[in-house]
C-alpha atoms as a PDB file:
ATOM      1  CA  MET A   1      -5.740  15.611   1.052  1.00  0.00           C
ATOM      2  CA  ARG A   2      -7.068  12.833  -1.166  1.00  0.00           C
ATOM      3  CA  LEU A   3      -5.799   9.295  -0.873  1.00  0.00           C
ATOM      4  CA  ASN A   4      -3.306   8.306  -3.539  1.00  0.00           C
ATOM      5  CA  ASN A   5      -3.575   4.569  -4.184  1.00  0.00           C
ATOM      6  CA  ASP A   6      -0.156   4.487  -5.869  1.00  0.00           C
ATOM      7  CA  CYS A   7       1.405   5.957  -2.728  1.00  0.00           C
ATOM      8  CA  ILE A   8      -0.408   3.423  -0.545  1.00  0.00           C
ATOM      9  CA  ARG A   9       0.808   0.566  -2.735  1.00  0.00           C
ATOM     10  CA  ASP A  10       4.377   1.898  -2.739  1.00  0.00           C
ATOM     11  CA  ILE A  11       4.401   2.222   1.061  1.00  0.00           C
ATOM     12  CA  LEU A  12       3.130  -1.324   1.519  1.00  0.00           C
ATOM     13  CA  LEU A  13       5.584  -2.812  -0.978  1.00  0.00           C
ATOM     14  CA  TYR A  14       8.492  -0.979   0.659  1.00  0.00           C
ATOM     15  CA  VAL A  15       7.467  -2.040   4.176  1.00  0.00           C
ATOM     16  CA  GLU A  16       7.025  -5.652   3.106  1.00  0.00           C
ATOM     17  CA  LYS A  17      10.433  -5.732   1.431  1.00  0.00           C
ATOM     18  CA  ASN A  18      12.357  -3.909   4.160  1.00  0.00           C
ATOM     19  CA  THR A  19      11.068  -5.252   7.473  1.00  0.00           C
ATOM     20  CA  THR A  20      12.331  -8.463   9.007  1.00  0.00           C
ATOM     21  CA  TYR A  21      12.031 -10.109  12.380  1.00  0.00           C
ATOM     22  CA  GLU A  22      15.543  -8.843  13.142  1.00  0.00           C
ATOM     23  CA  TYR A  23      14.806  -5.301  11.848  1.00  0.00           C
ATOM     24  CA  PRO A  24      11.121  -4.851  12.608  1.00  0.00           C
ATOM     25  CA  PHE A  25      10.637  -1.165  11.857  1.00  0.00           C
ATOM     26  CA  ILE A  26      11.324   1.541   9.305  1.00  0.00           C
ATOM     27  CA  ALA A  27      11.737   5.174  10.283  1.00  0.00           C
ATOM     28  CA  ALA A  28       9.309   7.445   8.476  1.00  0.00           C
ATOM     29  CA  GLU A  29      12.295   9.444   7.249  1.00  0.00           C
ATOM     30  CA  ASP A  30      13.619   6.335   5.460  1.00  0.00           C
ATOM     31  CA  LEU A  31      10.283   5.792   3.751  1.00  0.00           C
ATOM     32  CA  ILE A  32      10.191   9.431   2.689  1.00  0.00           C
ATOM     33  CA  SER A  33      13.708   9.288   1.262  1.00  0.00           C
ATOM     34  CA  HIS A  34      12.969   6.115  -0.735  1.00  0.00           C
ATOM     35  CA  LEU A  35       9.558   7.109  -2.081  1.00  0.00           C
ATOM     36  CA  LYS A  36      10.825   9.921  -4.282  1.00  0.00           C
ATOM     37  CA  ASP A  37       7.616  10.229  -6.317  1.00  0.00           C
ATOM     38  CA  TYR A  38       5.855  11.823  -3.332  1.00  0.00           C
ATOM     39  CA  ASP A  39       6.602  14.794  -1.106  1.00  0.00           C
ATOM     40  CA  GLU A  40       7.153  14.445   2.644  1.00  0.00           C
ATOM     41  CA  ASP A  41       3.640  15.559   3.625  1.00  0.00           C
ATOM     42  CA  THR A  42       2.056  13.074   1.225  1.00  0.00           C
ATOM     43  CA  VAL A  43       4.077  10.133   2.570  1.00  0.00           C
ATOM     44  CA  ASN A  44       3.417  11.099   6.205  1.00  0.00           C
ATOM     45  CA  TYR A  45      -0.297  11.505   5.528  1.00  0.00           C
ATOM     46  CA  HIS A  46      -0.502   8.134   3.805  1.00  0.00           C
ATOM     47  CA  ILE A  47       1.482   6.372   6.544  1.00  0.00           C
ATOM     48  CA  THR A  48      -1.114   7.665   9.013  1.00  0.00           C
ATOM     49  CA  LYS A  49      -4.045   6.646   6.822  1.00  0.00           C
ATOM     50  CA  VAL A  50      -2.617   3.206   6.022  1.00  0.00           C
ATOM     51  CA  HIS A  51      -2.186   2.685   9.772  1.00  0.00           C
ATOM     52  CA  GLN A  52      -5.737   3.890  10.486  1.00  0.00           C
ATOM     53  CA  GLY A  53      -6.955   1.497   7.793  1.00  0.00           C
ATOM     54  CA  GLY A  54      -5.321  -1.409   9.605  1.00  0.00           C
ATOM     55  CA  LEU A  55      -2.808  -2.229   6.850  1.00  0.00           C
ATOM     56  CA  ILE A  56       0.379  -1.562   8.858  1.00  0.00           C
ATOM     57  CA  ASP A  57       1.523  -1.535  12.447  1.00  0.00           C
ATOM     58  CA  VAL A  58       3.399   1.505  13.727  1.00  0.00           C
ATOM     59  CA  ILE A  59       5.706   2.421  16.571  1.00  0.00           C
ATOM     60  CA  ASN A  60       4.721   5.722  18.098  1.00  0.00           C
ATOM     61  CA  TYR A  61       7.047   6.879  20.846  1.00  0.00           C
ATOM     62  CA  ARG A  62       5.568   9.776  22.828  1.00  0.00           C
ATOM     63  CA  ASN A  63       3.106  10.654  20.073  1.00  0.00           C
ATOM     64  CA  LYS A  64       5.942  11.307  17.642  1.00  0.00           C
ATOM     65  CA  VAL A  65       4.962  12.430  14.195  1.00  0.00           C
ATOM     66  CA  PRO A  66       5.727  11.120  11.646  1.00  0.00           C
ATOM     67  CA  LEU A  67       5.053   7.545  12.659  1.00  0.00           C
ATOM     68  CA  ASP A  68       7.690   4.827  12.323  1.00  0.00           C
ATOM     69  CA  VAL A  69       6.368   1.764  10.528  1.00  0.00           C
ATOM     70  CA  SER A  70       6.594  -1.781  11.838  1.00  0.00           C
ATOM     71  CA  PHE A  71       5.431  -4.689   9.672  1.00  0.00           C
ATOM     72  CA  LEU A  72       2.388  -5.135   7.512  1.00  0.00           C
ATOM     73  CA  SER A  73      -0.707  -6.336   9.319  1.00  0.00           C
ATOM     74  CA  TRP A  74      -2.523  -9.466   8.143  1.00  0.00           C
ATOM     75  CA  LYS A  75      -4.930  -7.183   6.278  1.00  0.00           C
ATOM     76  CA  GLY A  76      -1.960  -5.347   4.742  1.00  0.00           C
ATOM     77  CA  HIS A  77      -0.517  -8.628   3.459  1.00  0.00           C
ATOM     78  CA  GLU A  78      -3.854  -9.588   1.924  1.00  0.00           C
ATOM     79  CA  TYR A  79      -4.161  -6.191   0.247  1.00  0.00           C
ATOM     80  CA  ILE A  80      -0.641  -6.138  -1.187  1.00  0.00           C
ATOM     81  CA  ASP A  81      -0.957  -9.755  -2.353  1.00  0.00           C
ATOM     82  CA  ALA A  82      -3.990  -8.708  -4.396  1.00  0.00           C
ATOM     83  CA  ILE A  83      -2.268  -5.726  -6.060  1.00  0.00           C
ATOM     84  CA  ARG A  84       1.444  -6.653  -6.059  1.00  0.00           C
ATOM     85  CA  ASP A  85       1.714  -7.657  -9.711  1.00  0.00           C
ATOM     86  CA  ASP A  86       2.370  -4.618 -11.938  1.00  0.00           C
ATOM     87  CA  LYS A  87       0.186  -6.042 -14.711  1.00  0.00           C
ATOM     88  CA  VAL A  88      -2.740  -6.442 -12.311  1.00  0.00           C
ATOM     89  CA  TRP A  89      -2.144  -2.978 -10.832  1.00  0.00           C
ATOM     90  CA  GLU A  90      -2.071  -1.234 -14.229  1.00  0.00           C
ATOM     91  CA  LYS A  91      -5.176  -3.069 -15.431  1.00  0.00           C
ATOM     92  CA  LEU A  92      -6.923  -2.187 -12.185  1.00  0.00           C
ATOM     93  CA  LYS A  93      -5.975   1.492 -12.446  1.00  0.00           C
ATOM     94  CA  ASN A  94      -7.147   1.635 -16.070  1.00  0.00           C
ATOM     95  CA  SER A  95     -10.490   0.080 -15.188  1.00  0.00           C
ATOM     96  CA  THR A  96     -11.112   2.580 -12.363  1.00  0.00           C
ATOM     97  CA  LYS A  97      -9.615   5.762 -13.846  1.00  0.00           C
ATOM     98  CA  ASP A  98     -12.995   7.312 -14.703  1.00  0.00           C
ATOM     99  CA  ILE A  99     -14.422   6.717 -11.224  1.00  0.00           C
ATOM    100  CA  ALA A 100     -13.960   9.583  -8.759  1.00  0.00           C
ATOM    101  CA  SER A 101     -13.512   7.402  -5.686  1.00  0.00           C
ATOM    102  CA  VAL A 102     -12.717   3.725  -5.172  1.00  0.00           C
ATOM    103  CA  SER A 103     -12.238   2.303  -1.680  1.00  0.00           C
ATOM    104  CA  LEU A 104      -9.442  -0.089  -0.733  1.00  0.00           C
ATOM    105  CA  ALA A 105     -11.964  -2.875  -0.169  1.00  0.00           C
ATOM    106  CA  ILE A 106     -13.364  -2.426  -3.670  1.00  0.00           C
ATOM    107  CA  LEU A 107      -9.845  -2.308  -5.140  1.00  0.00           C
ATOM    108  CA  VAL A 108      -9.061  -5.667  -3.523  1.00  0.00           C
ATOM    109  CA  ARG A 109     -12.235  -7.240  -4.916  1.00  0.00           C
ATOM    110  CA  LEU A 110     -11.567  -5.788  -8.351  1.00  0.00           C
ATOM    111  CA  ALA A 111      -7.944  -6.965  -8.182  1.00  0.00           C
ATOM    112  CA  GLU A 112      -9.141 -10.482  -7.431  1.00  0.00           C
ATOM    113  CA  ASP A 113     -11.379 -10.299 -10.512  1.00  0.00           C
ATOM    114  CA  VAL A 114      -8.466  -9.028 -12.634  1.00  0.00           C
ATOM    115  CA  ILE A 115      -6.267 -11.883 -11.391  1.00  0.00           C
ATOM    116  CA  LYS A 116      -8.991 -14.408 -12.209  1.00  0.00           C
ATOM    117  CA  SER A 117      -9.398 -13.008 -15.723  1.00  0.00           C
ATOM    118  CA  LEU A 118      -5.625 -13.105 -16.290  1.00  0.00           C
ATOM    119  CA  LEU A 119      -5.526 -16.728 -15.131  1.00  0.00           C
ATOM    120  CA  ILE A 120      -8.367 -17.615 -17.487  1.00  0.00           C
ATOM    121  CA  GLU A 121      -6.549 -15.871 -20.373  1.00  0.00           C
ATOM    122  CA  GLU A 122      -3.401 -17.895 -19.636  1.00  0.00           C
ATOM    123  CA  GLU A 123      -5.341 -21.168 -19.674  1.00  0.00           C
ATOM    124  CA  GLN A 124      -6.794 -20.492 -23.114  1.00  0.00           C
END
């Protein structure tokens, strides 16, 4: 299965919005039910990959699959901060649409460049 950057972004935004110190985790089933643009296998796969990439923490009782999600990691916060804005995200997707593969690290760097260019446009 190929990584879907929209799914990754949607997972991170949902986790950020719906975890608190008092309620520190989200059941995978809740994520699946709220991310209606993706099927169950896609969400589960991306939860695993986002965890492997160090963007989220998970709670894994007795090797349960799917994984329950607990908080964004520091790296996850940095990533979502770079791509949170819809205008930045759309511009970023348009600029990379003809490229077969773009890593998360490259997306963050490109997002920073997009943000800088938008700030410069606003100043003018």
